[in-house]
C-alpha atoms as a PDB file:
ATOM      1  CA  MET A   1      -3.642 -41.534 -16.295  1.00  0.00           C
ATOM      2  CA  ILE A   2      -3.862 -37.973 -13.935  1.00  0.00           C
ATOM      3  CA  GLU A   3      -5.772 -35.077 -14.522  1.00  0.00           C
ATOM      4  CA  ALA A   4      -4.397 -31.931 -13.113  1.00  0.00           C
ATOM      5  CA  ALA A   5      -5.754 -28.609 -12.681  1.00  0.00           C
ATOM      6  CA  THR A   6      -2.237 -26.664 -13.704  1.00  0.00           C
ATOM      7  CA  ALA A   7      -1.709 -23.868 -15.940  1.00  0.00           C
ATOM      8  CA  ALA A   8       1.485 -22.114 -17.808  1.00  0.00           C
ATOM      9  CA  PRO A   9       3.069 -19.491 -15.780  1.00  0.00           C
ATOM     10  CA  GLY A  10       1.525 -16.198 -16.530  1.00  0.00           C
ATOM     11  CA  SER A  11      -1.751 -17.623 -18.026  1.00  0.00           C
ATOM     12  CA  HIS A  12      -4.008 -15.777 -15.251  1.00  0.00           C
ATOM     13  CA  GLY A  13      -3.354 -13.443 -12.412  1.00  0.00           C
ATOM     14  CA  HIS A  14      -3.734 -14.272  -9.069  1.00  0.00           C
ATOM     15  CA  VAL A  15      -4.917 -11.023  -7.351  1.00  0.00           C
ATOM     16  CA  PHE A  16      -6.001 -12.202  -3.938  1.00  0.00           C
ATOM     17  CA  LEU A  17      -6.485  -8.936  -2.170  1.00  0.00           C
ATOM     18  CA  ALA A  18      -9.707  -8.227  -0.182  1.00  0.00           C
ATOM     19  CA  ALA A  19     -12.751  -6.220  -2.092  1.00  0.00           C
ATOM     20  CA  ASP A  20     -11.728  -3.054   0.363  1.00  0.00           C
ATOM     21  CA  HIS A  21      -8.121  -3.002   0.077  1.00  0.00           C
ATOM     22  CA  GLU A  22      -7.720   0.056  -1.237  1.00  0.00           C
ATOM     23  CA  ALA A  23     -10.305   1.838   1.079  1.00  0.00           C
ATOM     24  CA  SER A  24      -8.429   0.014   3.858  1.00  0.00           C
ATOM     25  CA  GLU A  25      -5.310   2.199   2.914  1.00  0.00           C
ATOM     26  CA  ARG A  26      -6.849   5.265   2.336  1.00  0.00           C
ATOM     27  CA  ARG A  27      -8.252   4.855   6.308  1.00  0.00           C
ATOM     28  CA  THR A  28      -4.853   3.671   7.504  1.00  0.00           C
ATOM     29  CA  TRP A  29      -3.065   7.031   6.130  1.00  0.00           C
ATOM     30  CA  ALA A  30      -5.716   9.297   7.466  1.00  0.00           C
ATOM     31  CA  VAL A  31      -4.987   7.849  11.078  1.00  0.00           C
ATOM     32  CA  ILE A  32      -1.310   8.118  10.633  1.00  0.00           C
ATOM     33  CA  ALA A  33      -1.942  11.703   9.822  1.00  0.00           C
ATOM     34  CA  LEU A  34      -4.154  12.384  12.852  1.00  0.00           C
ATOM     35  CA  CYS A  35      -1.624  10.550  14.991  1.00  0.00           C
ATOM     36  CA  GLY A  36       0.896  12.411  13.303  1.00  0.00           C
ATOM     37  CA  ALA A  37      -0.520  15.943  14.145  1.00  0.00           C
ATOM     38  CA  MET A  38      -0.969  14.873  17.475  1.00  0.00           C
ATOM     39  CA  MET A  39       2.307  13.931  17.695  1.00  0.00           C
ATOM     40  CA  PHE A  40       4.265  17.022  16.445  1.00  0.00           C
ATOM     41  CA  ALA A  41       1.575  19.423  18.548  1.00  0.00           C
ATOM     42  CA  GLU A  42       2.383  17.501  21.653  1.00  0.00           C
ATOM     43  CA  ILE A  43       6.074  17.484  21.179  1.00  0.00           C
ATOM     44  CA  VAL A  44       6.354  20.877  20.330  1.00  0.00           C
ATOM     45  CA  GLY A  45       3.730  22.068  22.630  1.00  0.00           C
ATOM     46  CA  GLY A  46       5.647  20.047  25.398  1.00  0.00           C
ATOM     47  CA  LEU A  47       9.031  21.593  24.497  1.00  0.00           C
ATOM     48  CA  LEU A  48       7.827  25.530  24.160  1.00  0.00           C
ATOM     49  CA  PHE A  49       5.770  24.999  27.562  1.00  0.00           C
ATOM     50  CA  GLY A  50       8.208  22.660  29.614  1.00  0.00           C
ATOM     51  CA  SER A  51       5.994  19.706  29.840  1.00  0.00           C
ATOM     52  CA  ILE A  52       7.751  16.531  30.024  1.00  0.00           C
ATOM     53  CA  ALA A  53       4.582  14.844  30.148  1.00  0.00           C
ATOM     54  CA  LEU A  54       3.477  16.086  26.770  1.00  0.00           C
ATOM     55  CA  VAL A  55       6.778  15.350  24.883  1.00  0.00           C
ATOM     56  CA  ALA A  56       6.518  12.066  26.607  1.00  0.00           C
ATOM     57  CA  ASP A  57       3.007  11.348  25.482  1.00  0.00           C
ATOM     58  CA  GLY A  58       4.062  12.574  21.754  1.00  0.00           C
ATOM     59  CA  LEU A  59       6.733  10.015  21.620  1.00  0.00           C
ATOM     60  CA  HIS A  60       4.633   7.143  22.915  1.00  0.00           C
ATOM     61  CA  MET A  61       2.026   8.319  20.153  1.00  0.00           C
ATOM     62  CA  SER A  62       5.266   8.138  17.696  1.00  0.00           C
ATOM     63  CA  THR A  63       5.138   4.521  18.266  1.00  0.00           C
ATOM     64  CA  HIS A  64       1.653   3.886  17.161  1.00  0.00           C
ATOM     65  CA  ALA A  65       2.249   5.849  14.216  1.00  0.00           C
ATOM     66  CA  GLY A  66       4.954   4.021  13.183  1.00  0.00           C
ATOM     67  CA  ALA A  67       2.799   0.717  13.574  1.00  0.00           C
ATOM     68  CA  LEU A  68       0.420   2.273  11.395  1.00  0.00           C
ATOM     69  CA  LEU A  69       3.102   3.406   8.775  1.00  0.00           C
ATOM     70  CA  LEU A  70       3.889  -0.421   8.719  1.00  0.00           C
ATOM     71  CA  ALA A  71       0.216  -1.285   7.995  1.00  0.00           C
ATOM     72  CA  ALA A  72      -0.218   1.509   5.035  1.00  0.00           C
ATOM     73  CA  LEU A  73       3.247   0.117   3.400  1.00  0.00           C
ATOM     74  CA  ALA A  74       1.904  -3.362   3.587  1.00  0.00           C
ATOM     75  CA  TYR A  75      -1.244  -2.183   1.925  1.00  0.00           C
ATOM     76  CA  ARG A  76       0.547  -0.486  -0.825  1.00  0.00           C
ATOM     77  CA  TYR A  77       3.360  -2.865  -1.172  1.00  0.00           C
ATOM     78  CA  ALA A  78       0.605  -5.731  -1.827  1.00  0.00           C
ATOM     79  CA  ARG A  79      -1.434  -3.453  -4.260  1.00  0.00           C
ATOM     80  CA  ASP A  80       1.679  -2.535  -6.307  1.00  0.00           C
ATOM     81  CA  HIS A  81       2.904  -5.865  -6.749  1.00  0.00           C
ATOM     82  CA  ALA A  82      -0.133  -7.977  -6.832  1.00  0.00           C
ATOM     83  CA  ASN A  83       0.508  -8.687 -10.497  1.00  0.00           C
ATOM     84  CA  ASP A  84       4.093  -9.575  -9.743  1.00  0.00           C
ATOM     85  CA  PRO A  85       4.668 -12.845 -11.305  1.00  0.00           C
ATOM     86  CA  ARG A  86       7.473 -13.631  -8.405  1.00  0.00           C
ATOM     87  CA  PHE A  87       4.506 -14.082  -6.139  1.00  0.00           C
ATOM     88  CA  SER A  88       3.303 -17.312  -7.016  1.00  0.00           C
ATOM     89  CA  PHE A  89       0.185 -16.958  -5.066  1.00  0.00           C
ATOM     90  CA  GLY A  90      -0.187 -13.214  -5.167  1.00  0.00           C
ATOM     91  CA  THR A  91       0.722 -10.760  -2.474  1.00  0.00           C
ATOM     92  CA  GLY A  92      -2.795 -11.539  -0.589  1.00  0.00           C
ATOM     93  CA  LYS A  93      -0.118 -12.197   3.118  1.00  0.00           C
ATOM     94  CA  MET A  94       1.532  -9.012   2.771  1.00  0.00           C
ATOM     95  CA  GLY A  95      -1.015  -7.800   5.656  1.00  0.00           C
ATOM     96  CA  ASP A  96      -0.869 -10.891   7.506  1.00  0.00           C
ATOM     97  CA  LEU A  97       2.886 -10.548   7.454  1.00  0.00           C
ATOM     98  CA  ALA A  98       2.570  -7.106   8.466  1.00  0.00           C
ATOM     99  CA  GLY A  99       0.135  -7.843  11.250  1.00  0.00           C
ATOM    100  CA  PHE A 100       2.357 -10.329  12.416  1.00  0.00           C
ATOM    101  CA  THR A 101       5.416  -7.407  12.683  1.00  0.00           C
ATOM    102  CA  SER A 102       2.968  -5.153  14.064  1.00  0.00           C
ATOM    103  CA  ALA A 103       1.919  -7.850  17.154  1.00  0.00           C
ATOM    104  CA  ILE A 104       5.474  -8.252  17.838  1.00  0.00           C
ATOM    105  CA  ILE A 105       5.729  -4.474  18.255  1.00  0.00           C
ATOM    106  CA  LEU A 106       2.689  -4.709  20.513  1.00  0.00           C
ATOM    107  CA  ALA A 107       4.301  -7.233  22.649  1.00  0.00           C
ATOM    108  CA  MET A 108       7.569  -5.464  23.255  1.00  0.00           C
ATOM    109  CA  ILE A 109       5.114  -2.251  23.859  1.00  0.00           C
ATOM    110  CA  ALA A 110       3.537  -4.154  26.473  1.00  0.00           C
ATOM    111  CA  LEU A 111       6.648  -5.267  28.305  1.00  0.00           C
ATOM    112  CA  LEU A 112       7.955  -1.833  28.415  1.00  0.00           C
ATOM    113  CA  ILE A 113       4.680  -0.403  29.757  1.00  0.00           C
ATOM    114  CA  GLY A 114       4.731  -3.316  32.551  1.00  0.00           C
ATOM    115  CA  TYR A 115       8.308  -2.678  33.438  1.00  0.00           C
ATOM    116  CA  GLU A 116       8.020   1.217  33.743  1.00  0.00           C
ATOM    117  CA  SER A 117       4.857   0.434  35.945  1.00  0.00           C
ATOM    118  CA  VAL A 118       6.539  -2.276  38.628  1.00  0.00           C
ATOM    119  CA  LEU A 119       9.353   0.383  38.585  1.00  0.00           C
ATOM    120  CA  ARG A 120       6.887   3.180  39.504  1.00  0.00           C
ATOM    121  CA  LEU A 121       4.658   0.722  41.893  1.00  0.00           C
ATOM    122  CA  LEU A 122       8.397   0.005  43.484  1.00  0.00           C
ATOM    123  CA  ARG A 123       9.602   3.195  43.709  1.00  0.00           C
ATOM    124  CA  PRO A 124       6.303   5.984  43.464  1.00  0.00           C
ATOM    125  CA  VAL A 125       7.134   9.299  41.667  1.00  0.00           C
ATOM    126  CA  GLN A 126       5.653  12.500  42.102  1.00  0.00           C
ATOM    127  CA  ILE A 127       2.635  12.808  39.657  1.00  0.00           C
ATOM    128  CA  HIS A 128       1.607  16.305  38.052  1.00  0.00           C
ATOM    129  CA  PHE A 129      -2.192  15.686  37.786  1.00  0.00           C
ATOM    130  CA  ALA A 130      -2.916  18.571  35.959  1.00  0.00           C
ATOM    131  CA  GLN A 131      -1.132  18.173  33.487  1.00  0.00           C
ATOM    132  CA  ALA A 132      -1.170  14.301  33.243  1.00  0.00           C
ATOM    133  CA  ILE A 133      -5.063  14.344  33.410  1.00  0.00           C
ATOM    134  CA  PRO A 134      -5.870  16.345  30.570  1.00  0.00           C
ATOM    135  CA  ILE A 135      -3.485  14.799  28.196  1.00  0.00           C
ATOM    136  CA  ALA A 136      -4.783  11.463  28.926  1.00  0.00           C
ATOM    137  CA  PHE A 137      -7.976  12.511  27.569  1.00  0.00           C
ATOM    138  CA  VAL A 138      -6.778  14.128  24.639  1.00  0.00           C
ATOM    139  CA  GLY A 139      -4.939  10.665  23.779  1.00  0.00           C
ATOM    140  CA  LEU A 140      -8.135   8.914  24.544  1.00  0.00           C
ATOM    141  CA  ALA A 141     -10.024  11.354  22.123  1.00  0.00           C
ATOM    142  CA  VAL A 142      -7.311  10.764  19.364  1.00  0.00           C
ATOM    143  CA  ASN A 143      -7.374   6.736  19.766  1.00  0.00           C
ATOM    144  CA  ILE A 144     -10.912   6.925  19.957  1.00  0.00           C
ATOM    145  CA  GLY A 145     -11.158   9.224  16.602  1.00  0.00           C
ATOM    146  CA  SER A 146      -8.360   6.652  15.036  1.00  0.00           C
ATOM    147  CA  ALA A 147     -10.625   3.554  16.011  1.00  0.00           C
ATOM    148  CA  TRP A 148     -13.632   5.099  14.029  1.00  0.00           C
ATOM    149  CA  ILE A 149     -11.797   5.991  10.819  1.00  0.00           C
ATOM    150  CA  LEU A 150     -10.309   2.556  10.920  1.00  0.00           C
ATOM    151  CA  SER A 151     -13.467   0.801  11.592  1.00  0.00           C
ATOM    152  CA  ARG A 152     -15.487   2.694   8.953  1.00  0.00           C
ATOM    153  CA  GLY A 153     -15.533  -0.063   6.524  1.00  0.00           C
ATOM    154  CA  GLY A 154     -17.722  -2.033   8.847  1.00  0.00           C
ATOM    155  CA  HIS A 155     -18.128  -5.812   8.126  1.00  0.00           C
ATOM    156  CA  HIS A 156     -16.113  -6.416   4.725  1.00  0.00           C
ATOM    157  CA  HIS A 157     -18.085  -7.815   2.077  1.00  0.00           C
ATOM    158  CA  HIS A 158     -16.660  -9.198  -1.133  1.00  0.00           C
ATOM    159  CA  PRO A 159     -18.947  -9.227  -4.049  1.00  0.00           C
ATOM    160  CA  GLY A 160     -19.061 -12.633  -5.412  1.00  0.00           C
ATOM    161  CA  HIS A 161     -17.567 -13.548  -9.044  1.00  0.00           C
ATOM    162  CA  ASP A 162     -16.189 -16.321 -10.594  1.00  0.00           C
ATOM    163  CA  HIS A 163     -14.137 -16.544 -13.499  1.00  0.00           C
ATOM    164  CA  ASP A 164     -12.804 -20.042 -14.832  1.00  0.00           C
ATOM    165  CA  HIS A 165     -10.035 -20.534 -17.204  1.00  0.00           C
ATOM    166  CA  ASP A 166     -10.295 -23.138 -19.923  1.00  0.00           C
ATOM    167  CA  HIS A 167      -6.902 -23.736 -21.766  1.00  0.00           C
ATOM    168  CA  GLY A 168      -8.215 -25.936 -24.300  1.00  0.00           C
ATOM    169  CA  ASP A 169      -6.981 -29.213 -22.522  1.00  0.00           C
ATOM    170  CA  ASP A 170      -9.210 -31.566 -20.905  1.00  0.00           C
ATOM    171  CA  HIS A 171      -6.095 -31.840 -18.264  1.00  0.00           C
ATOM    172  CA  ASP A 172      -5.912 -28.427 -17.448  1.00  0.00           C
ATOM    173  CA  HIS A 173      -8.989 -26.522 -15.009  1.00  0.00           C
ATOM    174  CA  HIS A 174      -8.571 -23.691 -13.124  1.00  0.00           C
ATOM    175  CA  HIS A 175     -11.470 -21.639 -10.919  1.00  0.00           C
ATOM    176  CA  HIS A 176     -11.052 -18.648  -8.861  1.00  0.00           C
ATOM    177  CA  GLY A 177     -14.118 -17.806  -7.099  1.00  0.00           C
ATOM    178  CA  HIS A 178     -14.161 -14.601  -4.846  1.00  0.00           C
ATOM    179  CA  GLY A 179     -16.471 -13.939  -2.145  1.00  0.00           C
ATOM    180  CA  HIS A 180     -18.417 -15.361   0.654  1.00  0.00           C
ATOM    181  CA  GLY A 181     -19.515 -19.076   0.357  1.00  0.00           C
ATOM    182  CA  PRO A 182     -21.639 -21.164   2.678  1.00  0.00           C
ATOM    183  CA  GLU A 183     -18.917 -22.482   4.469  1.00  0.00           C
ATOM    184  CA  ARG A 184     -18.288 -21.283   8.477  1.00  0.00           C
ATOM    185  CA  ALA A 185     -14.910 -19.414   7.410  1.00  0.00           C
ATOM    186  CA  SER A 186     -14.702 -16.147   8.855  1.00  0.00           C
ATOM    187  CA  ALA A 187     -11.017 -16.495  10.024  1.00  0.00           C
ATOM    188  CA  ALA A 188     -10.627 -16.617   6.161  1.00  0.00           C
ATOM    189  CA  HIS A 189     -12.161 -13.253   5.387  1.00  0.00           C
ATOM    190  CA  ARG A 190     -10.156 -11.336   8.034  1.00  0.00           C
ATOM    191  CA  ASP A 191      -8.013  -8.622   7.371  1.00  0.00           C
ATOM    192  CA  ASN A 192      -5.271  -8.686   9.860  1.00  0.00           C
ATOM    193  CA  ASN A 193      -3.401  -6.005   8.670  1.00  0.00           C
ATOM    194  CA  MET A 194      -6.466  -3.828   9.646  1.00  0.00           C
ATOM    195  CA  ARG A 195      -6.841  -5.864  12.563  1.00  0.00           C
ATOM    196  CA  ALA A 196      -3.473  -4.583  14.130  1.00  0.00           C
ATOM    197  CA  ALA A 197      -3.944  -1.135  13.335  1.00  0.00           C
ATOM    198  CA  ILE A 198      -7.102  -1.119  15.518  1.00  0.00           C
ATOM    199  CA  ILE A 199      -5.515  -3.117  18.013  1.00  0.00           C
ATOM    200  CA  HIS A 200      -2.539  -0.704  18.409  1.00  0.00           C
ATOM    201  CA  VAL A 201      -5.500   2.536  18.645  1.00  0.00           C
ATOM    202  CA  ALA A 202      -7.812   0.299  21.000  1.00  0.00           C
ATOM    203  CA  ALA A 203      -4.731  -0.651  23.148  1.00  0.00           C
ATOM    204  CA  ASP A 204      -3.857   2.927  23.806  1.00  0.00           C
ATOM    205  CA  ALA A 205      -7.416   3.737  24.381  1.00  0.00           C
ATOM    206  CA  ALA A 206      -7.806   1.364  27.007  1.00  0.00           C
ATOM    207  CA  VAL A 207      -4.756   2.353  28.293  1.00  0.00           C
ATOM    208  CA  SER A 208      -5.679   5.961  28.295  1.00  0.00           C
ATOM    209  CA  ILE A 209      -8.926   4.816  30.240  1.00  0.00           C
ATOM    210  CA  LEU A 210      -7.101   2.750  32.642  1.00  0.00           C
ATOM    211  CA  VAL A 211      -4.638   5.892  33.365  1.00  0.00           C
ATOM    212  CA  ILE A 212      -7.685   8.048  33.903  1.00  0.00           C
ATOM    213  CA  VAL A 213      -9.284   5.968  36.512  1.00  0.00           C
ATOM    214  CA  GLY A 214      -5.901   5.052  38.018  1.00  0.00           C
ATOM    215  CA  LEU A 215      -4.761   9.119  38.052  1.00  0.00           C
ATOM    216  CA  VAL A 216      -8.398  10.349  39.233  1.00  0.00           C
ATOM    217  CA  LEU A 217      -8.632   7.909  42.192  1.00  0.00           C
ATOM    218  CA  ALA A 218      -4.797   8.553  43.053  1.00  0.00           C
ATOM    219  CA  ARG A 219      -5.765  12.244  43.024  1.00  0.00           C
ATOM    220  CA  THR A 220      -8.803  11.784  45.001  1.00  0.00           C
ATOM    221  CA  PHE A 221      -7.988   9.101  47.643  1.00  0.00           C
ATOM    222  CA  GLY A 222      -3.930   9.602  47.409  1.00  0.00           C
ATOM    223  CA  TRP A 223      -3.750   6.338  46.075  1.00  0.00           C
ATOM    224  CA  LEU A 224       0.070   6.649  44.168  1.00  0.00           C
ATOM    225  CA  TRP A 225      -0.275   3.238  43.441  1.00  0.00           C
ATOM    226  CA  MET A 226      -3.111   2.938  41.801  1.00  0.00           C
ATOM    227  CA  ASP A 227      -1.615   4.837  38.808  1.00  0.00           C
ATOM    228  CA  PRO A 228       1.033   1.978  37.959  1.00  0.00           C
ATOM    229  CA  LEU A 229      -1.447  -0.920  38.761  1.00  0.00           C
ATOM    230  CA  ALA A 230      -3.577   0.520  35.945  1.00  0.00           C
ATOM    231  CA  GLY A 231      -0.354   0.361  33.666  1.00  0.00           C
ATOM    232  CA  ILE A 232       0.444  -2.967  34.599  1.00  0.00           C
ATOM    233  CA  ILE A 233      -3.364  -3.863  33.889  1.00  0.00           C
ATOM    234  CA  GLY A 234      -3.075  -2.237  30.739  1.00  0.00           C
ATOM    235  CA  ALA A 235       0.134  -3.865  29.913  1.00  0.00           C
ATOM    236  CA  ALA A 236      -1.393  -7.170  30.459  1.00  0.00           C
ATOM    237  CA  VAL A 237      -4.529  -6.350  27.891  1.00  0.00           C
ATOM    238  CA  ILE A 238      -2.115  -5.457  25.346  1.00  0.00           C
ATOM    239  CA  ALA A 239      -0.324  -8.487  25.479  1.00  0.00           C
ATOM    240  CA  THR A 240      -3.294 -10.820  25.422  1.00  0.00           C
ATOM    241  CA  TRP A 241      -4.133  -9.133  22.440  1.00  0.00           C
ATOM    242  CA  SER A 242      -0.944  -9.326  20.855  1.00  0.00           C
ATOM    243  CA  TYR A 243      -0.719 -12.763  21.705  1.00  0.00           C
ATOM    244  CA  GLY A 244      -3.834 -13.503  19.720  1.00  0.00           C
ATOM    245  CA  LEU A 245      -2.662 -11.618  16.668  1.00  0.00           C
ATOM    246  CA  ILE A 246       0.375 -13.427  16.719  1.00  0.00           C
ATOM    247  CA  ARG A 247      -0.826 -16.557  16.790  1.00  0.00           C
ATOM    248  CA  ASP A 248      -3.692 -16.307  14.267  1.00  0.00           C
ATOM    249  CA  THR A 249      -1.225 -14.510  11.585  1.00  0.00           C
ATOM    250  CA  GLY A 250       1.465 -16.946  12.499  1.00  0.00           C
ATOM    251  CA  ALA A 251      -1.048 -19.636  11.642  1.00  0.00           C
ATOM    252  CA  ILE A 252      -1.592 -18.408   7.986  1.00  0.00           C
ATOM    253  CA  LEU A 253       2.267 -17.635   7.287  1.00  0.00           C
ATOM    254  CA  LEU A 254       2.782 -21.252   8.181  1.00  0.00           C
ATOM    255  CA  ASP A 255       0.032 -21.846   5.845  1.00  0.00           C
ATOM    256  CA  MET A 256      -2.391 -23.884   8.364  1.00  0.00           C
ATOM    257  CA  THR A 257      -5.704 -25.097   7.373  1.00  0.00           C
ATOM    258  CA  PRO A 258      -7.899 -22.005   7.946  1.00  0.00           C
ATOM    259  CA  ASP A 259     -11.130 -23.910   8.675  1.00  0.00           C
ATOM    260  CA  PRO A 260     -10.911 -27.745   9.593  1.00  0.00           C
ATOM    261  CA  GLN A 261     -14.662 -27.929   9.201  1.00  0.00           C
ATOM    262  CA  LEU A 262     -14.298 -26.676   5.479  1.00  0.00           C
ATOM    263  CA  ALA A 263     -12.086 -29.138   4.989  1.00  0.00           C
ATOM    264  CA  GLU A 264     -14.021 -31.955   6.074  1.00  0.00           C
ATOM    265  CA  ASP A 265     -17.125 -30.449   3.881  1.00  0.00           C
ATOM    266  CA  LEU A 266     -14.959 -30.069   1.072  1.00  0.00           C
ATOM    267  CA  ARG A 267     -13.819 -33.882   1.577  1.00  0.00           C
ATOM    268  CA  THR A 268     -17.765 -35.422   1.945  1.00  0.00           C
ATOM    269  CA  THR A 269     -18.527 -33.394  -0.702  1.00  0.00           C
ATOM    270  CA  VAL A 270     -16.175 -35.434  -3.156  1.00  0.00           C
ATOM    271  CA  GLU A 271     -16.480 -38.498  -1.471  1.00  0.00           C
ATOM    272  CA  SER A 272     -20.399 -38.246  -1.441  1.00  0.00           C
ATOM    273  CA  GLU A 273     -20.282 -39.439  -5.149  1.00  0.00           C
ATOM    274  CA  GLY A 274     -18.264 -42.655  -4.075  1.00  0.00           C
ATOM    275  CA  ASP A 275     -14.879 -41.286  -5.132  1.00  0.00           C
ATOM    276  CA  ARG A 276     -11.877 -41.355  -2.527  1.00  0.00           C
ATOM    277  CA  VAL A 277      -9.893 -37.808  -1.453  1.00  0.00           C
ATOM    278  CA  THR A 278      -6.590 -39.332  -0.926  1.00  0.00           C
ATOM    279  CA  ASP A 279      -4.524 -35.933  -0.322  1.00  0.00           C
ATOM    280  CA  LEU A 280      -6.081 -32.738   0.559  1.00  0.00           C
ATOM    281  CA  HIS A 281      -4.378 -29.244   1.337  1.00  0.00           C
ATOM    282  CA  LEU A 282      -5.987 -26.037   2.374  1.00  0.00           C
ATOM    283  CA  TRP A 283      -4.208 -22.518   2.860  1.00  0.00           C
ATOM    284  CA  ARG A 284      -5.346 -18.854   3.086  1.00  0.00           C
ATOM    285  CA  VAL A 285      -3.620 -16.736   0.303  1.00  0.00           C
ATOM    286  CA  GLY A 286      -5.306 -13.520   1.010  1.00  0.00           C
ATOM    287  CA  PRO A 287      -8.203 -12.175   3.111  1.00  0.00           C
ATOM    288  CA  GLY A 288     -11.396 -13.756   1.767  1.00  0.00           C
ATOM    289  CA  HIS A 289      -9.475 -16.259  -0.389  1.00  0.00           C
ATOM    290  CA  VAL A 290      -8.256 -19.863   0.123  1.00  0.00           C
ATOM    291  CA  ALA A 291      -6.353 -21.975  -2.022  1.00  0.00           C
ATOM    292  CA  ALA A 292      -6.963 -25.783  -2.067  1.00  0.00           C
ATOM    293  CA  ILE A 293      -5.156 -28.713  -3.966  1.00  0.00           C
ATOM    294  CA  LEU A 294      -6.931 -32.155  -3.848  1.00  0.00           C
ATOM    295  CA  SER A 295      -6.168 -35.681  -5.112  1.00  0.00           C
ATOM    296  CA  VAL A 296      -9.113 -37.747  -5.604  1.00  0.00           C
ATOM    297  CA  GLU A 297      -9.445 -41.474  -6.887  1.00  0.00           C
ATOM    298  CA  THR A 298     -12.298 -42.782  -8.947  1.00  0.00           C
ATOM    299  CA  ASP A 299     -13.809 -45.602 -10.925  1.00  0.00           C
ATOM    300  CA  GLU A 300     -15.814 -43.139 -12.929  1.00  0.00           C
ATOM    301  CA  ALA A 301     -14.596 -41.404 -16.023  1.00  0.00           C
ATOM    302  CA  ARG A 302     -14.442 -38.097 -14.284  1.00  0.00           C
ATOM    303  CA  ASP A 303     -12.332 -35.096 -14.933  1.00  0.00           C
ATOM    304  CA  ALA A 304     -11.004 -32.153 -12.785  1.00  0.00           C
ATOM    305  CA  GLU A 305     -13.913 -30.429 -14.505  1.00  0.00           C
ATOM    306  CA  PHE A 306     -16.614 -32.616 -12.865  1.00  0.00           C
ATOM    307  CA  TYR A 307     -15.196 -31.832  -9.561  1.00  0.00           C
ATOM    308  CA  ARG A 308     -14.534 -28.211  -9.948  1.00  0.00           C
ATOM    309  CA  ALA A 309     -18.255 -27.600 -11.048  1.00  0.00           C
ATOM    310  CA  MET A 310     -18.966 -29.979  -7.554  1.00  0.00           C
ATOM    311  CA  LEU A 311     -16.917 -27.611  -5.447  1.00  0.00           C
ATOM    312  CA  ASP A 312     -18.370 -23.966  -7.159  1.00  0.00           C
ATOM    313  CA  ARG A 313     -20.630 -23.725  -3.917  1.00  0.00           C
ATOM    314  CA  PHE A 314     -17.556 -22.752  -1.455  1.00  0.00           C
ATOM    315  CA  ARG A 315     -17.090 -19.438  -3.026  1.00  0.00           C
ATOM    316  CA  VAL A 316     -14.188 -19.009   0.031  1.00  0.00           C
ATOM    317  CA  LEU A 317     -11.979 -21.265  -2.430  1.00  0.00           C
ATOM    318  CA  SER A 318     -10.093 -18.805  -4.813  1.00  0.00           C
ATOM    319  CA  HIS A 319      -7.510 -20.985  -6.472  1.00  0.00           C
ATOM    320  CA  VAL A 320      -8.749 -24.775  -6.769  1.00  0.00           C
ATOM    321  CA  THR A 321      -5.992 -27.484  -8.059  1.00  0.00           C
ATOM    322  CA  VAL A 322      -7.646 -30.845  -8.636  1.00  0.00           C
ATOM    323  CA  GLU A 323      -5.889 -33.725  -9.411  1.00  0.00           C
ATOM    324  CA  VAL A 324      -7.920 -37.018 -10.548  1.00  0.00           C
ATOM    325  CA  ALA A 325      -6.443 -40.993 -10.901  1.00  0.00           C
ATOM    326  CA  PRO A 326      -8.402 -44.105 -11.190  1.00  0.00           C
ATOM    327  CA  ALA A 327      -8.940 -46.023  -8.000  1.00  0.00           C
ATOM    328  CA  LYS A 328      -6.212 -49.174  -7.408  1.00  0.00           C
END
């Protein structure tokens, strides 16, 4: 006889969004407004006062505003469709999909900056220091302000609350727990959509700092090569951050085990009673939410509820399916 934790479709919700999802969305829209205003002021000011540097920086700001818009729309879509039955495990991965896309954009920006910097290194051009340095400082200020707004949520804490679904059948048990648990699963709680937005503004801030240093040294000592060198270093930094974001979000989109130690702890916990875990799958369904499927062989008269209670302490588990079969 097999006992499985399954239920009829539509019998319960699968909302696996971060606890501060709506607050993160509001912060993202606020930064879009800030970047949009800065972009508009630079482009209009550059056209009015004949500064191509201002226009160029305004267009550069538009790329970040576009990436942030992607993040905001992902937050909104995930919220609006959180209860859409077409999404078997909710819309918690929408932020990871947006983060992956944003990381690709970051990689393209790094390539463009690197390419332009190498060209400038090989073919130096005249630098208008009086315009370029103030613009770099203004851009730095905007990015620092944007990073502050985005990071105001600090450490994202998910208040713990559990709710069980008993459908009147000894063979059907669901458990949904939200919040942090004793296991080391920091990656499972990370909001990659917000992370991507912060990386965008942090990358721009890092480039602004490098540009300021390069411009000051170029003006002071006549080292015109310092400006493109700063661009190359900035491109390398952005590419590194982009790679990390692609690696982490790609792993989630491909349902890789979010925490191998958690998987081992689950197996050890179940097998501590003399049973045997024959199959175990873990994957992240949203920030702070991990789903698990376990197949257990036992010689005892134990049902899925027994193992659900045993795994209650792993509060990062938001959707647990247990299949129980007699040992062969």
